[in-house]
C-alpha atoms as a PDB file:
ATOM      1  CA  MET A   1      48.362 119.621 153.338  1.00  0.00           C
ATOM      2  CA  ASN A   2      51.580 120.104 155.372  1.00  0.00           C
ATOM      3  CA  ARG A   3      54.436 122.447 154.443  1.00  0.00           C
ATOM      4  CA  ALA A   4      56.773 119.636 153.282  1.00  0.00           C
ATOM      5  CA  THR A   5      54.163 118.331 150.863  1.00  0.00           C
ATOM      6  CA  THR A   6      53.544 121.850 149.545  1.00  0.00           C
ATOM      7  CA  ARG A   7      57.266 122.408 148.952  1.00  0.00           C
ATOM      8  CA  ARG A   8      57.525 119.117 147.021  1.00  0.00           C
ATOM      9  CA  ILE A   9      54.598 120.109 144.779  1.00  0.00           C
ATOM     10  CA  ILE A  10      56.085 123.550 144.085  1.00  0.00           C
ATOM     11  CA  LEU A  11      59.535 122.071 143.354  1.00  0.00           C
ATOM     12  CA  GLY A  12      58.047 119.410 141.086  1.00  0.00           C
ATOM     13  CA  SER A  13      56.130 122.060 139.159  1.00  0.00           C
ATOM     14  CA  ALA A  14      59.251 124.178 138.689  1.00  0.00           C
ATOM     15  CA  LEU A  15      61.223 121.228 137.279  1.00  0.00           C
ATOM     16  CA  ALA A  16      58.398 120.254 134.969  1.00  0.00           C
ATOM     17  CA  ALA A  17      57.950 123.754 133.561  1.00  0.00           C
ATOM     18  CA  PRO A  18      61.076 123.788 131.341  1.00  0.00           C
ATOM     19  CA  LEU A  19      60.059 120.414 129.857  1.00  0.00           C
ATOM     20  CA  ILE A  20      56.644 121.776 129.013  1.00  0.00           C
ATOM     21  CA  ARG A  21      58.192 124.843 127.381  1.00  0.00           C
ATOM     22  CA  THR A  22      60.622 122.675 125.415  1.00  0.00           C
ATOM     23  CA  ALA A  23      57.795 120.470 124.191  1.00  0.00           C
ATOM     24  CA  GLN A  24      55.873 123.532 123.072  1.00  0.00           C
ATOM     25  CA  ALA A  25      58.863 125.349 121.549  1.00  0.00           C
ATOM     26  CA  GLU A  26      58.836 126.222 117.866  1.00  0.00           C
ATOM     27  CA  PRO A  27      60.644 123.694 115.654  1.00  0.00           C
ATOM     28  CA  ILE A  28      64.188 124.614 114.637  1.00  0.00           C
ATOM     29  CA  GLN A  29      64.015 125.715 111.009  1.00  0.00           C
ATOM     30  CA  MET A  30      66.475 124.128 108.586  1.00  0.00           C
ATOM     31  CA  ARG A  31      66.693 125.500 105.041  1.00  0.00           C
ATOM     32  CA  VAL A  32      68.682 123.204 102.774  1.00  0.00           C
ATOM     33  CA  SER A  33      69.917 124.444  99.390  1.00  0.00           C
ATOM     34  CA  LEU A  34      70.926 122.244  96.443  1.00  0.00           C
ATOM     35  CA  ASP A  35      71.271 123.245  92.800  1.00  0.00           C
ATOM     36  CA  THR A  36      70.551 119.793  91.373  1.00  0.00           C
ATOM     37  CA  SER A  37      67.054 118.789  90.235  1.00  0.00           C
ATOM     38  CA  PRO A  38      64.632 116.691  92.330  1.00  0.00           C
ATOM     39  CA  ALA A  39      65.486 113.702  90.099  1.00  0.00           C
ATOM     40  CA  HIS A  40      69.229 113.912  90.812  1.00  0.00           C
ATOM     41  CA  GLY A  41      70.746 111.305  93.134  1.00  0.00           C
ATOM     42  CA  ARG A  42      72.188 113.891  95.517  1.00  0.00           C
ATOM     43  CA  THR A  43      68.803 115.570  95.890  1.00  0.00           C
ATOM     44  CA  ILE A  44      67.085 112.226  96.478  1.00  0.00           C
ATOM     45  CA  SER A  45      69.652 111.236  99.119  1.00  0.00           C
ATOM     46  CA  ILE A  46      69.462 114.536 100.987  1.00  0.00           C
ATOM     47  CA  ALA A  47      65.649 114.507 100.860  1.00  0.00           C
ATOM     48  CA  ASP A  48      65.694 111.049 102.430  1.00  0.00           C
ATOM     49  CA  PHE A  49      68.079 112.187 105.157  1.00  0.00           C
ATOM     50  CA  LEU A  50      65.934 115.222 105.956  1.00  0.00           C
ATOM     51  CA  ASN A  51      62.770 113.140 106.161  1.00  0.00           C
ATOM     52  CA  LYS A  52      64.496 110.754 108.556  1.00  0.00           C
ATOM     53  CA  LEU A  53      65.823 113.664 110.594  1.00  0.00           C
ATOM     54  CA  ALA A  54      62.390 115.290 110.930  1.00  0.00           C
ATOM     55  CA  ALA A  55      60.876 111.987 112.055  1.00  0.00           C
ATOM     56  CA  ALA A  56      63.702 111.011 114.431  1.00  0.00           C
ATOM     57  CA  SER A  57      63.732 114.453 116.061  1.00  0.00           C
ATOM     58  CA  GLN A  58      59.970 114.163 116.594  1.00  0.00           C
ATOM     59  CA  GLY A  59      59.437 117.486 114.872  1.00  0.00           C
ATOM     60  CA  GLN A  60      62.040 119.406 116.870  1.00  0.00           C
ATOM     61  CA  ILE A  61      63.911 120.021 113.593  1.00  0.00           C
ATOM     62  CA  ALA A  62      61.859 121.227 110.611  1.00  0.00           C
ATOM     63  CA  PRO A  63      63.911 120.765 107.409  1.00  0.00           C
ATOM     64  CA  ARG A  64      62.855 122.327 104.131  1.00  0.00           C
ATOM     65  CA  LEU A  65      64.631 121.367 100.941  1.00  0.00           C
ATOM     66  CA  PHE A  66      65.133 123.843  98.088  1.00  0.00           C
ATOM     67  CA  PRO A  67      66.444 121.979  94.990  1.00  0.00           C
ATOM     68  CA  SER A  68      67.243 123.192  91.466  1.00  0.00           C
ATOM     69  CA  GLY A  69      69.054 126.303  92.709  1.00  0.00           C
ATOM     70  CA  GLN A  70      65.820 127.853  94.023  1.00  0.00           C
ATOM     71  CA  LEU A  71      67.799 129.615  96.731  1.00  0.00           C
ATOM     72  CA  PHE A  72      71.413 129.503  95.568  1.00  0.00           C
ATOM     73  CA  ALA A  73      73.644 127.910  92.980  1.00  0.00           C
ATOM     74  CA  ASP A  74      76.268 125.758  94.680  1.00  0.00           C
ATOM     75  CA  ARG A  75      78.946 128.296  93.709  1.00  0.00           C
ATOM     76  CA  ASP A  76      77.235 130.802  96.073  1.00  0.00           C
ATOM     77  CA  VAL A  77      75.867 128.538  98.782  1.00  0.00           C
ATOM     78  CA  ILE A  78      78.926 128.411 101.055  1.00  0.00           C
ATOM     79  CA  LYS A  79      78.896 132.172 101.438  1.00  0.00           C
ATOM     80  CA  ALA A  80      75.128 132.025 102.011  1.00  0.00           C
ATOM     81  CA  MET A  81      75.623 129.491 104.789  1.00  0.00           C
ATOM     82  CA  VAL A  82      78.243 131.646 106.489  1.00  0.00           C
ATOM     83  CA  LEU A  83      75.777 134.549 106.315  1.00  0.00           C
ATOM     84  CA  ASN A  84      73.032 132.348 107.869  1.00  0.00           C
ATOM     85  CA  GLN A  85      70.891 132.432 104.737  1.00  0.00           C
ATOM     86  CA  VAL A  86      70.727 128.618 104.712  1.00  0.00           C
ATOM     87  CA  GLU A  87      71.300 126.011 107.402  1.00  0.00           C
ATOM     88  CA  MET A  88      72.645 123.154 105.275  1.00  0.00           C
ATOM     89  CA  ALA A  89      74.327 122.712 101.915  1.00  0.00           C
ATOM     90  CA  VAL A  90      76.202 119.878 100.195  1.00  0.00           C
ATOM     91  CA  PRO A  91      78.572 121.566  97.720  1.00  0.00           C
ATOM     92  CA  GLY A  92      81.025 119.770  95.491  1.00  0.00           C
ATOM     93  CA  THR A  93      84.655 119.574  96.530  1.00  0.00           C
ATOM     94  CA  TRP A  94      85.641 121.576  93.434  1.00  0.00           C
ATOM     95  CA  LEU A  95      83.727 124.540  94.908  1.00  0.00           C
ATOM     96  CA  VAL A  96      84.836 124.015  98.498  1.00  0.00           C
ATOM     97  CA  ALA A  97      88.372 124.192  97.092  1.00  0.00           C
ATOM     98  CA  ALA A  98      87.982 127.964  96.705  1.00  0.00           C
ATOM     99  CA  TYR A  99      88.226 128.106 100.514  1.00  0.00           C
ATOM    100  CA  VAL A 100      89.979 124.831 101.378  1.00  0.00           C
ATOM    101  CA  PRO A 101      92.024 123.797  98.322  1.00  0.00           C
ATOM    102  CA  GLU A 102      92.836 120.309  99.608  1.00  0.00           C
ATOM    103  CA  ALA A 103      89.126 119.421  99.572  1.00  0.00           C
ATOM    104  CA  ASP A 104      89.550 118.789  95.836  1.00  0.00           C
ATOM    105  CA  MET A 105      92.202 116.113  96.356  1.00  0.00           C
ATOM    106  CA  SER A 106      90.328 113.477  94.291  1.00  0.00           C
ATOM    107  CA  GLN A 107      91.068 115.552  91.177  1.00  0.00           C
ATOM    108  CA  LEU A 108      94.780 114.776  91.417  1.00  0.00           C
ATOM    109  CA  PRO A 109      96.320 112.743  88.557  1.00  0.00           C
ATOM    110  CA  ILE A 110      96.880 109.756  90.862  1.00  0.00           C
ATOM    111  CA  PHE A 111      93.108 109.165  90.929  1.00  0.00           C
ATOM    112  CA  TYR A 112      92.599 109.271  87.147  1.00  0.00           C
ATOM    113  CA  GLY A 113      90.867 106.099  85.913  1.00  0.00           C
ATOM    114  CA  GLN A 114      91.086 104.472  89.358  1.00  0.00           C
ATOM    115  CA  PRO A 115      88.272 102.444  91.048  1.00  0.00           C
ATOM    116  CA  VAL A 116      86.133 104.177  93.660  1.00  0.00           C
ATOM    117  CA  GLU A 117      87.829 102.296  96.507  1.00  0.00           C
ATOM    118  CA  VAL A 118      91.017 104.263  95.843  1.00  0.00           C
ATOM    119  CA  THR A 119      89.192 107.552  96.344  1.00  0.00           C
ATOM    120  CA  HIS A 120      87.429 106.285  99.474  1.00  0.00           C
ATOM    121  CA  SER A 121      90.749 105.226 100.983  1.00  0.00           C
ATOM    122  CA  ALA A 122      91.799 108.878 100.925  1.00  0.00           C
ATOM    123  CA  ILE A 123      88.609 110.785 101.726  1.00  0.00           C
ATOM    124  CA  ASP A 124      87.539 108.370 104.502  1.00  0.00           C
ATOM    125  CA  GLY A 125      91.016 108.252 105.987  1.00  0.00           C
ATOM    126  CA  THR A 126      93.495 110.732 107.409  1.00  0.00           C
ATOM    127  CA  PRO A 127      93.484 113.023 104.311  1.00  0.00           C
ATOM    128  CA  GLY A 128      89.700 113.451 104.552  1.00  0.00           C
ATOM    129  CA  ASP A 129      89.898 114.064 108.310  1.00  0.00           C
ATOM    130  CA  LEU A 130      92.482 116.804 107.751  1.00  0.00           C
ATOM    131  CA  VAL A 131      90.283 118.464 105.129  1.00  0.00           C
ATOM    132  CA  ASN A 132      87.238 118.352 107.423  1.00  0.00           C
ATOM    133  CA  GLU A 133      89.268 120.017 110.170  1.00  0.00           C
ATOM    134  CA  GLN A 134      90.257 122.814 107.785  1.00  0.00           C
ATOM    135  CA  ILE A 135      86.657 123.292 106.625  1.00  0.00           C
ATOM    136  CA  THR A 136      85.420 123.497 110.203  1.00  0.00           C
ATOM    137  CA  ARG A 137      88.091 126.014 111.150  1.00  0.00           C
ATOM    138  CA  LYS A 138      88.071 128.231 108.050  1.00  0.00           C
ATOM    139  CA  LEU A 139      84.370 128.260 107.191  1.00  0.00           C
ATOM    140  CA  ARG A 140      82.989 127.869 110.729  1.00  0.00           C
ATOM    141  CA  VAL A 141      80.643 125.072 109.719  1.00  0.00           C
ATOM    142  CA  LYS A 142      80.015 121.532 110.921  1.00  0.00           C
ATOM    143  CA  VAL A 143      80.773 118.564 108.662  1.00  0.00           C
ATOM    144  CA  PRO A 144      78.492 115.821 110.034  1.00  0.00           C
ATOM    145  CA  GLY A 145      80.310 112.886 108.474  1.00  0.00           C
ATOM    146  CA  ARG A 146      81.609 111.182 105.339  1.00  0.00           C
ATOM    147  CA  TRP A 147      81.186 112.743 101.921  1.00  0.00           C
ATOM    148  CA  ILE A 148      78.637 111.695  99.286  1.00  0.00           C
ATOM    149  CA  ASP A 149      79.886 110.237  96.020  1.00  0.00           C
ATOM    150  CA  LEU A 150      78.579 112.019  92.962  1.00  0.00           C
ATOM    151  CA  GLY A 151      80.024 109.530  90.524  1.00  0.00           C
ATOM    152  CA  PHE A 152      82.814 109.349  87.998  1.00  0.00           C
ATOM    153  CA  THR A 153      83.375 112.379  85.797  1.00  0.00           C
ATOM    154  CA  ASN A 154      83.563 111.731  82.051  1.00  0.00           C
ATOM    155  CA  TRP A 155      83.452 113.684  78.768  1.00  0.00           C
ATOM    156  CA  TYR A 156      80.276 114.392  76.777  1.00  0.00           C
ATOM    157  CA  SER A 157      79.803 116.271  73.507  1.00  0.00           C
ATOM    158  CA  THR A 158      77.179 117.520  71.083  1.00  0.00           C
ATOM    159  CA  ARG A 159      78.315 117.365  67.461  1.00  0.00           C
ATOM    160  CA  ARG A 160      81.761 115.741  67.507  1.00  0.00           C
ATOM    161  CA  PRO A 161      81.848 111.980  68.141  1.00  0.00           C
ATOM    162  CA  LEU A 162      84.167 110.991  70.990  1.00  0.00           C
ATOM    163  CA  LEU A 163      85.888 107.760  70.033  1.00  0.00           C
ATOM    164  CA  SER A 164      89.176 108.406  71.835  1.00  0.00           C
ATOM    165  CA  LEU A 165      90.811 110.995  74.080  1.00  0.00           C
ATOM    166  CA  ALA A 166      92.371 112.557  70.981  1.00  0.00           C
ATOM    167  CA  ASP A 167      88.891 113.690  69.915  1.00  0.00           C
ATOM    168  CA  LEU A 168      88.824 116.218  72.787  1.00  0.00           C
ATOM    169  CA  ARG A 169      91.429 118.365  71.068  1.00  0.00           C
ATOM    170  CA  GLY A 170      90.127 121.802  70.130  1.00  0.00           C
ATOM    171  CA  LEU A 171      86.743 121.412  71.827  1.00  0.00           C
ATOM    172  CA  LYS A 172      85.407 124.124  74.136  1.00  0.00           C
ATOM    173  CA  ILE A 173      84.701 122.059  77.254  1.00  0.00           C
ATOM    174  CA  ARG A 174      82.512 123.123  80.172  1.00  0.00           C
ATOM    175  CA  ASN A 175      83.643 122.369  83.728  1.00  0.00           C
ATOM    176  CA  SER A 176      82.174 123.102  87.157  1.00  0.00           C
ATOM    177  CA  GLY A 177      85.074 125.081  88.587  1.00  0.00           C
ATOM    178  CA  GLY A 178      88.331 124.651  90.442  1.00  0.00           C
ATOM    179  CA  PHE A 179      91.782 124.144  88.922  1.00  0.00           C
ATOM    180  CA  ALA A 180      91.993 120.438  88.109  1.00  0.00           C
ATOM    181  CA  GLN A 181      89.062 120.062  85.730  1.00  0.00           C
ATOM    182  CA  PRO A 182      90.267 122.823  83.392  1.00  0.00           C
ATOM    183  CA  TRP A 183      93.819 121.503  83.682  1.00  0.00           C
ATOM    184  CA  ARG A 184      92.624 118.055  82.601  1.00  0.00           C
ATOM    185  CA  ALA A 185      90.750 119.517  79.621  1.00  0.00           C
ATOM    186  CA  GLN A 186      93.916 121.373  78.592  1.00  0.00           C
ATOM    187  CA  PHE A 187      95.996 118.220  79.117  1.00  0.00           C
ATOM    188  CA  PHE A 188      93.959 116.585  76.345  1.00  0.00           C
ATOM    189  CA  GLY A 189      93.971 119.687  74.140  1.00  0.00           C
ATOM    190  CA  GLY A 190      90.561 121.105  75.069  1.00  0.00           C
ATOM    191  CA  LEU A 191      89.594 124.700  75.814  1.00  0.00           C
ATOM    192  CA  PRO A 192      88.057 124.889  79.317  1.00  0.00           C
ATOM    193  CA  THR A 193      85.178 127.138  80.338  1.00  0.00           C
ATOM    194  CA  MET A 194      83.260 127.245  83.622  1.00  0.00           C
ATOM    195  CA  THR A 195      79.430 127.190  83.696  1.00  0.00           C
ATOM    196  CA  ALA A 196      77.214 126.694  86.771  1.00  0.00           C
ATOM    197  CA  TRP A 197      75.123 123.535  86.544  1.00  0.00           C
ATOM    198  CA  PRO A 198      71.654 125.208  86.403  1.00  0.00           C
ATOM    199  CA  ASP A 199      72.829 127.094  83.296  1.00  0.00           C
ATOM    200  CA  VAL A 200      74.205 124.047  81.461  1.00  0.00           C
ATOM    201  CA  PRO A 201      71.129 122.858  79.481  1.00  0.00           C
ATOM    202  CA  LEU A 202      70.484 126.243  77.868  1.00  0.00           C
ATOM    203  CA  ALA A 203      74.185 126.917  77.250  1.00  0.00           C
ATOM    204  CA  LEU A 204      74.620 123.474  75.691  1.00  0.00           C
ATOM    205  CA  SER A 205      71.609 123.916  73.409  1.00  0.00           C
ATOM    206  CA  GLN A 206      72.875 127.326  72.300  1.00  0.00           C
ATOM    207  CA  GLY A 207      76.345 126.028  71.496  1.00  0.00           C
ATOM    208  CA  THR A 208      78.073 128.076  74.204  1.00  0.00           C
ATOM    209  CA  PHE A 209      80.410 125.106  74.567  1.00  0.00           C
ATOM    210  CA  ASP A 210      80.981 121.918  72.532  1.00  0.00           C
ATOM    211  CA  ALA A 211      81.403 119.426  75.336  1.00  0.00           C
ATOM    212  CA  LEU A 212      81.356 119.128  79.101  1.00  0.00           C
ATOM    213  CA  GLN A 213      82.902 117.301  82.017  1.00  0.00           C
ATOM    214  CA  SER A 214      80.127 115.733  84.072  1.00  0.00           C
ATOM    215  CA  THR A 215      78.661 112.381  85.122  1.00  0.00           C
ATOM    216  CA  ASP A 216      76.190 110.001  83.518  1.00  0.00           C
ATOM    217  CA  GLU A 217      73.632 110.683  86.235  1.00  0.00           C
ATOM    218  CA  SER A 218      73.926 114.450  86.085  1.00  0.00           C
ATOM    219  CA  CYS A 219      73.472 114.405  82.307  1.00  0.00           C
ATOM    220  CA  THR A 220      70.488 112.081  82.612  1.00  0.00           C
ATOM    221  CA  SER A 221      68.704 113.918  85.430  1.00  0.00           C
ATOM    222  CA  ALA A 222      68.955 117.121  83.361  1.00  0.00           C
ATOM    223  CA  LYS A 223      67.863 115.273  80.172  1.00  0.00           C
ATOM    224  CA  LEU A 224      70.734 116.814  78.278  1.00  0.00           C
ATOM    225  CA  TRP A 225      69.879 114.810  75.170  1.00  0.00           C
ATOM    226  CA  ASP A 226      67.099 117.397  74.739  1.00  0.00           C
ATOM    227  CA  ALA A 227      69.828 120.068  74.695  1.00  0.00           C
ATOM    228  CA  GLY A 228      71.849 118.317  71.996  1.00  0.00           C
ATOM    229  CA  LEU A 229      74.010 115.820  73.904  1.00  0.00           C
ATOM    230  CA  ARG A 230      74.948 113.011  71.485  1.00  0.00           C
ATOM    231  CA  HIS A 231      78.288 111.457  72.492  1.00  0.00           C
ATOM    232  CA  GLY A 232      80.161 110.378  75.609  1.00  0.00           C
ATOM    233  CA  LEU A 233      83.689 109.225  76.380  1.00  0.00           C
ATOM    234  CA  ILE A 234      83.844 107.233  79.627  1.00  0.00           C
ATOM    235  CA  ASP A 235      87.254 107.473  81.306  1.00  0.00           C
ATOM    236  CA  HIS A 236      86.370 107.820  85.013  1.00  0.00           C
ATOM    237  CA  GLN A 237      88.723 110.769  85.261  1.00  0.00           C
ATOM    238  CA  ASN A 238      87.881 111.288  88.931  1.00  0.00           C
ATOM    239  CA  MET A 239      85.214 110.461  91.499  1.00  0.00           C
ATOM    240  CA  GLY A 240      83.220 113.610  92.222  1.00  0.00           C
ATOM    241  CA  GLU A 241      82.378 114.205  95.872  1.00  0.00           C
ATOM    242  CA  TYR A 242      79.916 116.387  97.771  1.00  0.00           C
ATOM    243  CA  ILE A 243      80.679 117.552 101.325  1.00  0.00           C
ATOM    244  CA  PRO A 244      77.744 117.919 103.767  1.00  0.00           C
ATOM    245  CA  MET A 245      77.895 121.128 105.815  1.00  0.00           C
ATOM    246  CA  LEU A 246      75.763 122.653 108.557  1.00  0.00           C
ATOM    247  CA  SER A 247      75.927 126.321 109.469  1.00  0.00           C
ATOM    248  CA  GLN A 248      77.548 127.223 112.768  1.00  0.00           C
ATOM    249  CA  THR A 249      74.430 129.077 113.916  1.00  0.00           C
ATOM    250  CA  PHE A 250      72.195 126.091 113.192  1.00  0.00           C
ATOM    251  CA  TRP A 251      74.616 123.668 114.846  1.00  0.00           C
ATOM    252  CA  GLY A 252      74.835 125.932 117.880  1.00  0.00           C
ATOM    253  CA  SER A 253      71.036 125.979 118.206  1.00  0.00           C
ATOM    254  CA  LEU A 254      70.864 122.196 118.628  1.00  0.00           C
ATOM    255  CA  SER A 255      70.912 120.468 121.980  1.00  0.00           C
ATOM    256  CA  PRO A 256      73.650 117.864 122.562  1.00  0.00           C
ATOM    257  CA  SER A 257      71.132 115.079 121.963  1.00  0.00           C
ATOM    258  CA  LEU A 258      70.006 116.584 118.648  1.00  0.00           C
ATOM    259  CA  ARG A 259      73.624 117.012 117.554  1.00  0.00           C
ATOM    260  CA  THR A 260      74.252 113.353 118.284  1.00  0.00           C
ATOM    261  CA  LEU A 261      71.102 112.467 116.365  1.00  0.00           C
ATOM    262  CA  VAL A 262      72.243 114.366 113.259  1.00  0.00           C
ATOM    263  CA  VAL A 263      75.701 112.769 113.233  1.00  0.00           C
ATOM    264  CA  ASP A 264      74.417 109.269 113.982  1.00  0.00           C
ATOM    265  CA  LEU A 265      71.713 109.450 111.304  1.00  0.00           C
ATOM    266  CA  TRP A 266      74.242 110.583 108.709  1.00  0.00           C
ATOM    267  CA  SER A 267      76.686 107.847 109.694  1.00  0.00           C
ATOM    268  CA  ALA A 268      73.955 105.194 109.560  1.00  0.00           C
ATOM    269  CA  HIS A 269      72.844 106.072 106.031  1.00  0.00           C
ATOM    270  CA  ILE A 270      75.845 107.475 104.122  1.00  0.00           C
ATOM    271  CA  GLY A 271      76.805 103.975 102.989  1.00  0.00           C
ATOM    272  CA  SER A 272      73.390 103.432 101.419  1.00  0.00           C
ATOM    273  CA  TYR A 273      73.493 106.901  99.830  1.00  0.00           C
ATOM    274  CA  ARG A 274      76.821 106.100  98.199  1.00  0.00           C
ATOM    275  CA  ALA A 275      75.474 102.775  96.972  1.00  0.00           C
ATOM    276  CA  SER A 276      72.361 104.469  95.630  1.00  0.00           C
ATOM    277  CA  MET A 277      74.445 107.024  93.779  1.00  0.00           C
ATOM    278  CA  ALA A 278      76.553 104.269  92.196  1.00  0.00           C
ATOM    279  CA  ALA A 279      73.409 102.424  91.112  1.00  0.00           C
ATOM    280  CA  ALA A 280      71.952 105.666  89.752  1.00  0.00           C
ATOM    281  CA  GLN A 281      75.086 106.189  87.647  1.00  0.00           C
ATOM    282  CA  ASP A 282      74.730 102.679  86.191  1.00  0.00           C
ATOM    283  CA  ARG A 283      71.065 103.263  85.346  1.00  0.00           C
ATOM    284  CA  ALA A 284      71.893 106.676  83.903  1.00  0.00           C
ATOM    285  CA  GLU A 285      74.479 105.223  81.537  1.00  0.00           C
ATOM    286  CA  GLN A 286      71.844 102.836  80.190  1.00  0.00           C
ATOM    287  CA  GLU A 287      69.328 105.660  79.881  1.00  0.00           C
ATOM    288  CA  LEU A 288      71.778 107.854  77.975  1.00  0.00           C
ATOM    289  CA  ALA A 289      72.345 105.026  75.521  1.00  0.00           C
ATOM    290  CA  GLY A 290      68.582 104.536  75.289  1.00  0.00           C
ATOM    291  CA  HIS A 291      68.199 108.169  74.225  1.00  0.00           C
ATOM    292  CA  GLY A 292      70.706 107.813  71.425  1.00  0.00           C
ATOM    293  CA  VAL A 293      73.859 109.002  73.176  1.00  0.00           C
ATOM    294  CA  ASP A 294      76.831 107.032  71.826  1.00  0.00           C
ATOM    295  CA  LEU A 295      79.127 106.027  74.699  1.00  0.00           C
ATOM    296  CA  THR A 296      82.722 104.884  74.215  1.00  0.00           C
ATOM    297  CA  HIS A 297      84.699 103.390  77.129  1.00  0.00           C
ATOM    298  CA  VAL A 298      88.418 104.144  77.246  1.00  0.00           C
ATOM    299  CA  PRO A 299      90.310 100.814  77.609  1.00  0.00           C
ATOM    300  CA  PRO A 300      92.021 100.141  80.988  1.00  0.00           C
ATOM    301  CA  ASP A 301      95.491 100.044  79.449  1.00  0.00           C
ATOM    302  CA  VAL A 302      94.961 103.495  77.904  1.00  0.00           C
ATOM    303  CA  LEU A 303      93.764 104.822  81.268  1.00  0.00           C
ATOM    304  CA  ALA A 304      96.892 103.474  82.945  1.00  0.00           C
ATOM    305  CA  GLU A 305      99.102 104.998  80.247  1.00  0.00           C
ATOM    306  CA  GLN A 306      97.426 108.407  80.550  1.00  0.00           C
ATOM    307  CA  ARG A 307      97.599 108.294  84.356  1.00  0.00           C
ATOM    308  CA  LYS A 308     101.331 107.659  84.093  1.00  0.00           C
ATOM    309  CA  ARG A 309     101.673 110.696  81.800  1.00  0.00           C
ATOM    310  CA  MET A 310      99.636 112.806  84.211  1.00  0.00           C
ATOM    311  CA  LEU A 311     101.651 111.699  87.231  1.00  0.00           C
ATOM    312  CA  ALA A 312     104.708 113.283  85.654  1.00  0.00           C
ATOM    313  CA  GLU A 313     102.917 116.603  86.256  1.00  0.00           C
ATOM    314  CA  GLN A 314     101.370 115.773  89.644  1.00  0.00           C
ATOM    315  CA  ASP A 315     103.720 117.978  91.661  1.00  0.00           C
ATOM    316  CA  LYS A 316     102.887 120.906  89.371  1.00  0.00           C
ATOM    317  CA  VAL A 317      99.150 120.197  89.581  1.00  0.00           C
ATOM    318  CA  ALA A 318      99.285 119.835  93.375  1.00  0.00           C
ATOM    319  CA  HIS A 319     101.174 123.125  93.651  1.00  0.00           C
ATOM    320  CA  GLU A 320      98.597 124.930  91.502  1.00  0.00           C
ATOM    321  CA  MET A 321      95.766 123.307  93.485  1.00  0.00           C
ATOM    322  CA  LYS A 322      97.511 124.423  96.709  1.00  0.00           C
ATOM    323  CA  ILE A 323      97.764 120.863  97.979  1.00  0.00           C
ATOM    324  CA  SER A 324     100.670 120.555 100.396  1.00  0.00           C
ATOM    325  CA  ARG A 325     103.467 118.043 100.133  1.00  0.00           C
ATOM    326  CA  ASP A 326     102.395 116.647 103.512  1.00  0.00           C
ATOM    327  CA  MET A 327      98.882 116.041 102.155  1.00  0.00           C
ATOM    328  CA  LEU A 328     100.337 114.316  99.096  1.00  0.00           C
ATOM    329  CA  GLU A 329     102.275 112.010 101.389  1.00  0.00           C
ATOM    330  CA  GLN A 330      99.147 111.279 103.413  1.00  0.00           C
ATOM    331  CA  ILE A 331      97.220 110.498 100.210  1.00  0.00           C
ATOM    332  CA  ASN A 332      99.964 108.192  98.922  1.00  0.00           C
ATOM    333  CA  ARG A 333     100.052 106.421 102.292  1.00  0.00           C
ATOM    334  CA  ALA A 334      96.277 105.966 102.343  1.00  0.00           C
ATOM    335  CA  ILE A 335      96.209 104.603  98.777  1.00  0.00           C
ATOM    336  CA  SER A 336      99.143 102.271  99.418  1.00  0.00           C
ATOM    337  CA  ALA A 337      97.283 100.758 102.371  1.00  0.00           C
ATOM    338  CA  THR A 338      94.513  99.579 100.013  1.00  0.00           C
ATOM    339  CA  ASN A 339      96.880  97.826  97.573  1.00  0.00           C
END
């Protein structure tokens, strides 16, 4: 064997060595925390995404899902992600608003009783892009793409029938946090109180509150009829949204190709996840009725009238929510483009 041949063999071995080490490297661990149950639409969607990610990465990423608040309630998960205690979370905008207030834009009066397309026009457009930029900068996390719809928030009660919005007056009403949900309860004469979702079934059964703001699917996945839920008032007061987030440390550990894989997988499937969540809400409404929960739908003309009343206070609500005038203009522009 001549010297040139020997040099080629040595060089080829040196180039191959890193590939061998990469192939044998330990998978990148990915702890994912959710506080909804395995039966909840968000949990099902994220589980599907993680399974696809594990397969598409050929085992280079090893996700592990912790539902039902096994690791953290959503109210604590953002801090946990910043402290590298989890690699991914999908908290609601009402909780992200504690750090980036404009994330909760869909709670504004202008969205009350509106179809989902109105919300999507804002969160998928310039307003949503601006919020994602703030989240990335302030929380030092990666938002891999569009947000997941939770579904429309409505009113649900135990003992008092809900036949109209006037029936909310005087009720102690649970919300999931933020400014807008309690403001809306007060707007209709209710007394707001915040309770984390994992604590809702027990608190409801014990009469800690009389009613709650939630969605059909959330109530169904938690089987709240077993905790005393008996009535619902459907007014589609806002479309709840979850924002996917990846910790900076986890994102930094991924190669460029794996980063592209994560973003592309999310983009390819978020449409189906939103559709699945909408279908789950429809099924949940039927299941609630099947378990004896009386559901009353607020007529469209009443929704329009109440939205008009609320809009008279939108500047005040936006100020309290810390939503800038520029963001309001961007939201109005995005909504106008859909009409």
